[in-house]
C-alpha atoms as a PDB file:
ATOM      1  CA  UNK A   1      68.831 138.030 118.091  1.00  0.00           C
ATOM      2  CA  UNK A   2      66.104 137.762 115.033  1.00  0.00           C
ATOM      3  CA  UNK A   3      63.668 134.390 114.600  1.00  0.00           C
ATOM      4  CA  UNK A   4      64.784 133.763 111.717  1.00  0.00           C
ATOM      5  CA  UNK A   5      68.508 133.799 113.345  1.00  0.00           C
ATOM      6  CA  UNK A   6      67.308 131.707 116.165  1.00  0.00           C
ATOM      7  CA  UNK A   7      65.789 129.063 113.637  1.00  0.00           C
ATOM      8  CA  UNK A   8      68.788 129.037 111.774  1.00  0.00           C
ATOM      9  CA  UNK A   9      71.400 128.222 114.750  1.00  0.00           C
ATOM     10  CA  UNK A  10      68.625 125.737 115.725  1.00  0.00           C
ATOM     11  CA  UNK A  11      68.594 124.093 112.909  1.00  0.00           C
ATOM     12  CA  UNK A  12      73.058 124.332 112.816  1.00  0.00           C
ATOM     13  CA  UNK A  13      74.032 122.968 116.267  1.00  0.00           C
ATOM     14  CA  UNK A  14      72.895 118.828 115.931  1.00  0.00           C
ATOM     15  CA  UNK A  15      74.945 118.664 111.913  1.00  0.00           C
ATOM     16  CA  UNK A  16      77.841 120.642 113.286  1.00  0.00           C
ATOM     17  CA  UNK A  17      77.607 118.542 116.796  1.00  0.00           C
ATOM     18  CA  UNK A  18      77.051 115.340 113.904  1.00  0.00           C
ATOM     19  CA  UNK A  19      80.069 116.325 112.310  1.00  0.00           C
ATOM     20  CA  UNK A  20      82.305 117.450 115.189  1.00  0.00           C
ATOM     21  CA  UNK A  21      81.468 113.477 116.212  1.00  0.00           C
ATOM     22  CA  UNK A  22      82.524 111.478 113.071  1.00  0.00           C
ATOM     23  CA  UNK A  23      85.628 113.646 112.972  1.00  0.00           C
ATOM     24  CA  UNK A  24      86.361 112.513 116.869  1.00  0.00           C
ATOM     25  CA  UNK A  25      85.743 109.168 115.610  1.00  0.00           C
ATOM     26  CA  UNK A  26      88.027 109.314 112.646  1.00  0.00           C
ATOM     27  CA  UNK A  27      90.942 110.407 114.807  1.00  0.00           C
ATOM     28  CA  UNK A  28      90.331 107.507 117.783  1.00  0.00           C
ATOM     29  CA  UNK A  29      90.272 105.239 114.875  1.00  0.00           C
ATOM     30  CA  UNK A  30      93.492 106.127 113.169  1.00  0.00           C
ATOM     31  CA  UNK A  31      95.174 106.058 116.625  1.00  0.00           C
ATOM     32  CA  UNK A  32      94.099 102.522 117.096  1.00  0.00           C
ATOM     33  CA  UNK A  33      95.053 101.867 113.567  1.00  0.00           C
ATOM     34  CA  UNK A  34      98.490 103.059 114.345  1.00  0.00           C
ATOM     35  CA  UNK A  35      99.076 100.994 117.612  1.00  0.00           C
ATOM     36  CA  UNK A  36      97.858  97.595 115.868  1.00  0.00           C
ATOM     37  CA  UNK A  37     100.273  98.846 112.950  1.00  0.00           C
ATOM     38  CA  UNK A  38     102.999  99.387 115.707  1.00  0.00           C
ATOM     39  CA  UNK A  39     102.444  95.873 117.954  1.00  0.00           C
ATOM     40  CA  UNK A  40     103.070  94.278 114.865  1.00  0.00           C
ATOM     41  CA  UNK A  41     105.515  96.189 113.416  1.00  0.00           C
ATOM     42  CA  UNK A  42     107.627  95.928 117.054  1.00  0.00           C
ATOM     43  CA  UNK A  43     106.852  91.920 117.637  1.00  0.00           C
ATOM     44  CA  UNK A  44     108.190  91.480 113.354  1.00  0.00           C
ATOM     45  CA  UNK A  45     111.705  93.844 114.126  1.00  0.00           C
ATOM     46  CA  UNK A  46     111.776  91.822 117.609  1.00  0.00           C
ATOM     47  CA  UNK A  47     112.039  88.842 115.526  1.00  0.00           C
ATOM     48  CA  UNK A  48     114.544  90.278 113.126  1.00  0.00           C
ATOM     49  CA  UNK A  49     116.899  91.572 115.381  1.00  0.00           C
ATOM     50  CA  UNK A  50     117.165  87.814 117.233  1.00  0.00           C
ATOM     51  CA  UNK A  51     117.456  85.717 113.752  1.00  0.00           C
ATOM     52  CA  UNK A  52     120.166  88.760 112.617  1.00  0.00           C
ATOM     53  CA  UNK A  53     122.277  89.295 116.102  1.00  0.00           C
ATOM     54  CA  UNK A  54     121.117  85.820 117.827  1.00  0.00           C
ATOM     55  CA  UNK A  55     124.726  87.222 120.351  1.00  0.00           C
ATOM     56  CA  UNK A  56     123.090  89.978 121.757  1.00  0.00           C
ATOM     57  CA  UNK A  57     121.272  90.303 124.887  1.00  0.00           C
ATOM     58  CA  UNK A  58     118.212  90.981 125.341  1.00  0.00           C
ATOM     59  CA  UNK A  59     117.609  90.122 128.774  1.00  0.00           C
ATOM     60  CA  UNK A  60     116.418  93.300 129.527  1.00  0.00           C
ATOM     61  CA  UNK A  61     113.389  93.598 127.330  1.00  0.00           C
ATOM     62  CA  UNK A  62     110.361  92.445 128.839  1.00  0.00           C
ATOM     63  CA  UNK A  63     108.933  89.293 127.058  1.00  0.00           C
ATOM     64  CA  UNK A  64     105.985  89.209 125.153  1.00  0.00           C
ATOM     65  CA  UNK A  65     104.768  86.565 123.692  1.00  0.00           C
ATOM     66  CA  UNK A  66     104.271  86.219 119.890  1.00  0.00           C
ATOM     67  CA  UNK A  67     100.611  86.904 118.506  1.00  0.00           C
ATOM     68  CA  UNK A  68      99.506  84.592 116.025  1.00  0.00           C
ATOM     69  CA  UNK A  69     100.651  85.477 112.937  1.00  0.00           C
ATOM     70  CA  UNK A  70     104.484  85.760 114.550  1.00  0.00           C
ATOM     71  CA  UNK A  71     103.594  82.157 115.193  1.00  0.00           C
ATOM     72  CA  UNK A  72     102.031  81.027 112.260  1.00  0.00           C
ATOM     73  CA  UNK A  73     105.431  82.462 110.261  1.00  0.00           C
ATOM     74  CA  UNK A  74     107.809  80.362 113.077  1.00  0.00           C
ATOM     75  CA  UNK A  75     105.334  77.356 112.467  1.00  0.00           C
ATOM     76  CA  UNK A  76     106.034  77.719 109.033  1.00  0.00           C
ATOM     77  CA  UNK A  77     109.222  78.785 108.194  1.00  0.00           C
ATOM     78  CA  UNK A  78     110.564  75.838 110.759  1.00  0.00           C
ATOM     79  CA  UNK A  79     111.909  77.777 113.820  1.00  0.00           C
ATOM     80  CA  UNK A  80     112.908  75.447 116.604  1.00  0.00           C
ATOM     81  CA  UNK A  81     110.686  75.301 120.039  1.00  0.00           C
ATOM     82  CA  UNK A  82     107.757  76.496 118.236  1.00  0.00           C
ATOM     83  CA  UNK A  83     104.715  74.396 117.678  1.00  0.00           C
ATOM     84  CA  UNK A  84     100.847  74.407 117.023  1.00  0.00           C
ATOM     85  CA  UNK A  85     100.190  74.562 120.219  1.00  0.00           C
ATOM     86  CA  UNK A  86     101.421  78.249 120.867  1.00  0.00           C
ATOM     87  CA  UNK A  87      97.544  79.371 118.739  1.00  0.00           C
ATOM     88  CA  UNK A  88      95.781  78.130 121.660  1.00  0.00           C
ATOM     89  CA  UNK A  89      94.854  80.045 124.367  1.00  0.00           C
ATOM     90  CA  UNK A  90      94.335  83.418 124.940  1.00  0.00           C
ATOM     91  CA  UNK A  91      96.972  85.846 123.942  1.00  0.00           C
ATOM     92  CA  UNK A  92      96.728  89.459 125.797  1.00  0.00           C
ATOM     93  CA  UNK A  93      98.086  90.642 122.408  1.00  0.00           C
ATOM     94  CA  UNK A  94      96.180  88.789 120.052  1.00  0.00           C
ATOM     95  CA  UNK A  95      93.316  90.669 121.547  1.00  0.00           C
ATOM     96  CA  UNK A  96      94.725  94.109 121.790  1.00  0.00           C
ATOM     97  CA  UNK A  97      95.316  93.691 118.025  1.00  0.00           C
ATOM     98  CA  UNK A  98      91.840  92.317 116.984  1.00  0.00           C
ATOM     99  CA  UNK A  99      90.248  95.382 119.409  1.00  0.00           C
ATOM    100  CA  UNK A 100      92.132  97.995 117.934  1.00  0.00           C
ATOM    101  CA  UNK A 101      91.535  96.638 114.843  1.00  0.00           C
ATOM    102  CA  UNK A 102      87.670  96.553 115.197  1.00  0.00           C
ATOM    103  CA  UNK A 103      87.968 100.484 116.265  1.00  0.00           C
ATOM    104  CA  UNK A 104      90.286 100.997 112.980  1.00  0.00           C
ATOM    105  CA  UNK A 105      86.967  98.886 110.771  1.00  0.00           C
ATOM    106  CA  UNK A 106      84.684 101.048 112.871  1.00  0.00           C
ATOM    107  CA  UNK A 107      86.226 104.246 111.879  1.00  0.00           C
ATOM    108  CA  UNK A 108      86.595 102.887 108.080  1.00  0.00           C
ATOM    109  CA  UNK A 109      82.877 101.810 108.239  1.00  0.00           C
ATOM    110  CA  UNK A 110      82.407 105.087 108.923  1.00  0.00           C
ATOM    111  CA  UNK A 111      83.903 106.613 106.085  1.00  0.00           C
ATOM    112  CA  UNK A 112      83.076 103.807 103.524  1.00  0.00           C
ATOM    113  CA  UNK A 113      79.426 103.326 104.199  1.00  0.00           C
ATOM    114  CA  UNK A 114      77.809 105.452 101.722  1.00  0.00           C
ATOM    115  CA  UNK A 115      80.112 103.277  99.254  1.00  0.00           C
ATOM    116  CA  UNK A 116      78.546 100.061 100.472  1.00  0.00           C
ATOM    117  CA  UNK A 117      76.891 100.107 103.898  1.00  0.00           C
ATOM    118  CA  UNK A 118      76.365  96.360 103.411  1.00  0.00           C
ATOM    119  CA  UNK A 119      79.975  95.108 103.110  1.00  0.00           C
ATOM    120  CA  UNK A 120      81.232  98.266 105.355  1.00  0.00           C
ATOM    121  CA  UNK A 121      78.882  96.579 107.587  1.00  0.00           C
ATOM    122  CA  UNK A 122      79.776  92.965 106.820  1.00  0.00           C
ATOM    123  CA  UNK A 123      83.251  94.539 107.627  1.00  0.00           C
ATOM    124  CA  UNK A 124      82.616  96.166 111.028  1.00  0.00           C
ATOM    125  CA  UNK A 125      80.768  92.728 112.099  1.00  0.00           C
ATOM    126  CA  UNK A 126      83.665  90.534 111.840  1.00  0.00           C
ATOM    127  CA  UNK A 127      86.659  91.720 114.673  1.00  0.00           C
ATOM    128  CA  UNK A 128      83.864  91.855 116.639  1.00  0.00           C
ATOM    129  CA  UNK A 129      82.630  89.013 116.789  1.00  0.00           C
ATOM    130  CA  UNK A 130      86.618  87.942 116.214  1.00  0.00           C
ATOM    131  CA  UNK A 131      87.197  89.184 120.215  1.00  0.00           C
ATOM    132  CA  UNK A 132      84.141  87.077 121.063  1.00  0.00           C
ATOM    133  CA  UNK A 133      84.689  84.182 119.741  1.00  0.00           C
ATOM    134  CA  UNK A 134      88.209  84.054 120.549  1.00  0.00           C
ATOM    135  CA  UNK A 135      87.513  84.910 124.171  1.00  0.00           C
ATOM    136  CA  UNK A 136      85.111  82.526 124.056  1.00  0.00           C
ATOM    137  CA  UNK A 137      87.646  79.466 122.571  1.00  0.00           C
ATOM    138  CA  UNK A 138      90.700  80.356 122.939  1.00  0.00           C
ATOM    139  CA  UNK A 139      91.486  80.107 119.651  1.00  0.00           C
ATOM    140  CA  UNK A 140      88.845  80.642 116.726  1.00  0.00           C
ATOM    141  CA  UNK A 141      87.504  84.653 115.831  1.00  0.00           C
ATOM    142  CA  UNK A 142      91.189  85.377 114.839  1.00  0.00           C
ATOM    143  CA  UNK A 143      91.205  85.457 111.154  1.00  0.00           C
ATOM    144  CA  UNK A 144      88.183  87.998 111.335  1.00  0.00           C
ATOM    145  CA  UNK A 145      91.182  90.743 111.273  1.00  0.00           C
ATOM    146  CA  UNK A 146      91.855  89.127 107.957  1.00  0.00           C
ATOM    147  CA  UNK A 147      88.235  89.130 106.763  1.00  0.00           C
ATOM    148  CA  UNK A 148      87.760  92.215 107.673  1.00  0.00           C
ATOM    149  CA  UNK A 149      90.772  93.590 106.276  1.00  0.00           C
ATOM    150  CA  UNK A 150      89.523  91.711 102.463  1.00  0.00           C
ATOM    151  CA  UNK A 151      85.974  93.384 102.849  1.00  0.00           C
ATOM    152  CA  UNK A 152      87.119  96.783 103.650  1.00  0.00           C
ATOM    153  CA  UNK A 153      89.346  96.689 101.353  1.00  0.00           C
ATOM    154  CA  UNK A 154      87.405  95.461  98.700  1.00  0.00           C
ATOM    155  CA  UNK A 155      85.182  98.617  99.848  1.00  0.00           C
ATOM    156  CA  UNK A 156      87.699 100.963  99.303  1.00  0.00           C
ATOM    157  CA  UNK A 157      88.588 100.052  95.570  1.00  0.00           C
ATOM    158  CA  UNK A 158      85.274 101.483  94.974  1.00  0.00           C
ATOM    159  CA  UNK A 159      85.897 104.890  96.016  1.00  0.00           C
ATOM    160  CA  UNK A 160      88.565 107.774  95.802  1.00  0.00           C
ATOM    161  CA  UNK A 161      88.795 107.977  99.418  1.00  0.00           C
ATOM    162  CA  UNK A 162      91.587 105.753 100.539  1.00  0.00           C
ATOM    163  CA  UNK A 163      92.590 105.023  97.424  1.00  0.00           C
ATOM    164  CA  UNK A 164      93.343 102.043  95.000  1.00  0.00           C
ATOM    165  CA  UNK A 165      96.544 101.442  96.475  1.00  0.00           C
ATOM    166  CA  UNK A 166      96.037 100.577  99.856  1.00  0.00           C
ATOM    167  CA  UNK A 167      92.700  98.746  98.751  1.00  0.00           C
ATOM    168  CA  UNK A 168      94.991  96.258  96.606  1.00  0.00           C
ATOM    169  CA  UNK A 169      97.263  96.410  99.858  1.00  0.00           C
ATOM    170  CA  UNK A 170      94.449  95.041 102.066  1.00  0.00           C
ATOM    171  CA  UNK A 171      93.067  92.673  99.516  1.00  0.00           C
ATOM    172  CA  UNK A 172      96.357  90.721  99.191  1.00  0.00           C
ATOM    173  CA  UNK A 173      97.731  91.054 102.866  1.00  0.00           C
ATOM    174  CA  UNK A 174      94.876  89.114 103.664  1.00  0.00           C
ATOM    175  CA  UNK A 175      94.728  86.397 101.063  1.00  0.00           C
ATOM    176  CA  UNK A 176      98.442  85.373 101.771  1.00  0.00           C
ATOM    177  CA  UNK A 177      97.270  86.294 105.411  1.00  0.00           C
ATOM    178  CA  UNK A 178      94.571  83.310 105.209  1.00  0.00           C
ATOM    179  CA  UNK A 179      96.981  80.977 103.276  1.00  0.00           C
ATOM    180  CA  UNK A 180      99.580  81.014 105.561  1.00  0.00           C
ATOM    181  CA  UNK A 181      96.330  80.600 108.512  1.00  0.00           C
ATOM    182  CA  UNK A 182      94.959  77.777 106.561  1.00  0.00           C
ATOM    183  CA  UNK A 183      98.008  75.850 105.993  1.00  0.00           C
ATOM    184  CA  UNK A 184      98.679  75.722 109.725  1.00  0.00           C
ATOM    185  CA  UNK A 185      99.470  71.804 110.254  1.00  0.00           C
ATOM    186  CA  UNK A 186     101.190  71.145 107.042  1.00  0.00           C
ATOM    187  CA  UNK A 187     105.188  70.006 106.789  1.00  0.00           C
ATOM    188  CA  UNK A 188     107.055  73.459 107.411  1.00  0.00           C
ATOM    189  CA  UNK A 189     106.812  75.649 104.037  1.00  0.00           C
ATOM    190  CA  UNK A 190     109.236  78.120 102.728  1.00  0.00           C
ATOM    191  CA  UNK A 191     106.897  79.385 100.335  1.00  0.00           C
ATOM    192  CA  UNK A 192     104.235  79.368 103.030  1.00  0.00           C
ATOM    193  CA  UNK A 193     106.828  81.707 105.611  1.00  0.00           C
ATOM    194  CA  UNK A 194     107.539  84.241 102.422  1.00  0.00           C
ATOM    195  CA  UNK A 195     103.998  84.542 102.091  1.00  0.00           C
ATOM    196  CA  UNK A 196     103.112  84.855 105.319  1.00  0.00           C
ATOM    197  CA  UNK A 197     105.725  87.508 105.916  1.00  0.00           C
ATOM    198  CA  UNK A 198     104.648  89.034 103.064  1.00  0.00           C
ATOM    199  CA  UNK A 199     101.259  89.244 104.411  1.00  0.00           C
ATOM    200  CA  UNK A 200     102.601  90.495 107.703  1.00  0.00           C
ATOM    201  CA  UNK A 201     104.620  93.313 106.071  1.00  0.00           C
ATOM    202  CA  UNK A 202     101.338  94.942 103.944  1.00  0.00           C
ATOM    203  CA  UNK A 203      99.289  94.074 106.386  1.00  0.00           C
ATOM    204  CA  UNK A 204     101.148  96.274 108.820  1.00  0.00           C
ATOM    205  CA  UNK A 205     101.711  99.099 105.881  1.00  0.00           C
ATOM    206  CA  UNK A 206      97.955  98.933 105.379  1.00  0.00           C
ATOM    207  CA  UNK A 207      97.332  99.904 109.440  1.00  0.00           C
ATOM    208  CA  UNK A 208      99.405 103.097 108.717  1.00  0.00           C
ATOM    209  CA  UNK A 209      97.817 104.441 105.668  1.00  0.00           C
ATOM    210  CA  UNK A 210      94.173 103.919 106.412  1.00  0.00           C
ATOM    211  CA  UNK A 211      95.127 105.487 110.150  1.00  0.00           C
ATOM    212  CA  UNK A 212      96.898 108.306 107.692  1.00  0.00           C
ATOM    213  CA  UNK A 213      93.924 108.769 105.949  1.00  0.00           C
ATOM    214  CA  UNK A 214      91.436 108.221 108.913  1.00  0.00           C
ATOM    215  CA  UNK A 215      93.879 111.145 110.727  1.00  0.00           C
ATOM    216  CA  UNK A 216      93.386 113.413 107.596  1.00  0.00           C
ATOM    217  CA  UNK A 217      89.442 112.660 107.391  1.00  0.00           C
ATOM    218  CA  UNK A 218      89.676 113.705 111.563  1.00  0.00           C
ATOM    219  CA  UNK A 219      91.516 116.914 110.552  1.00  0.00           C
ATOM    220  CA  UNK A 220      88.825 117.520 107.988  1.00  0.00           C
ATOM    221  CA  UNK A 221      90.517 117.098 104.755  1.00  0.00           C
ATOM    222  CA  UNK A 222      88.338 115.227 102.824  1.00  0.00           C
ATOM    223  CA  UNK A 223      90.523 115.488  99.186  1.00  0.00           C
ATOM    224  CA  UNK A 224      90.801 111.895  97.633  1.00  0.00           C
ATOM    225  CA  UNK A 225      93.736 109.725  97.866  1.00  0.00           C
ATOM    226  CA  UNK A 226      96.367 108.790  95.333  1.00  0.00           C
END
């Protein structure tokens, strides 16, 4: 091996390691996003089944506490037996969703920081801060998820990497879910229930789309999304 070849490989290895580490992060973040979307989708499907087939026995299904977005929807829709006190307490499902979204946003930050480092960093900090606040207060911090989705989706609009439709979906879901969250405490409202339900569906779809694109980036597919 010539001296030139030794120097070439010596300088090349750190770059290759960095690229490999970034791809692994994309894959992990994609898995986290898909898992977060899966949790939210499963709970929505469970609610739909209970509404459409109230007589079906589901005792074989392990009881899982509703996530806070589902509780907000039920409050606005006027479900019997659902009250604001359910939003208090350290719900493990909420904590898991926050953690999974935090890992997802970490991958998005890595992909989008060249577009806007400050805004991407603001989005990244929010879910991690939300975890701390939620753990400490048992109430505050969960809306950081919507804030992170809003900010990082705003960054997405400035690049073709994730696509305008995905960005718009994230922005709209964040706005609708925040409206539903801030509306808690008022009289049950069908309008807020509908808006919260739409925002919930958009969030689930956004998570799956973001996860898919992160997975593509992890595989080395760098082309822009539509």
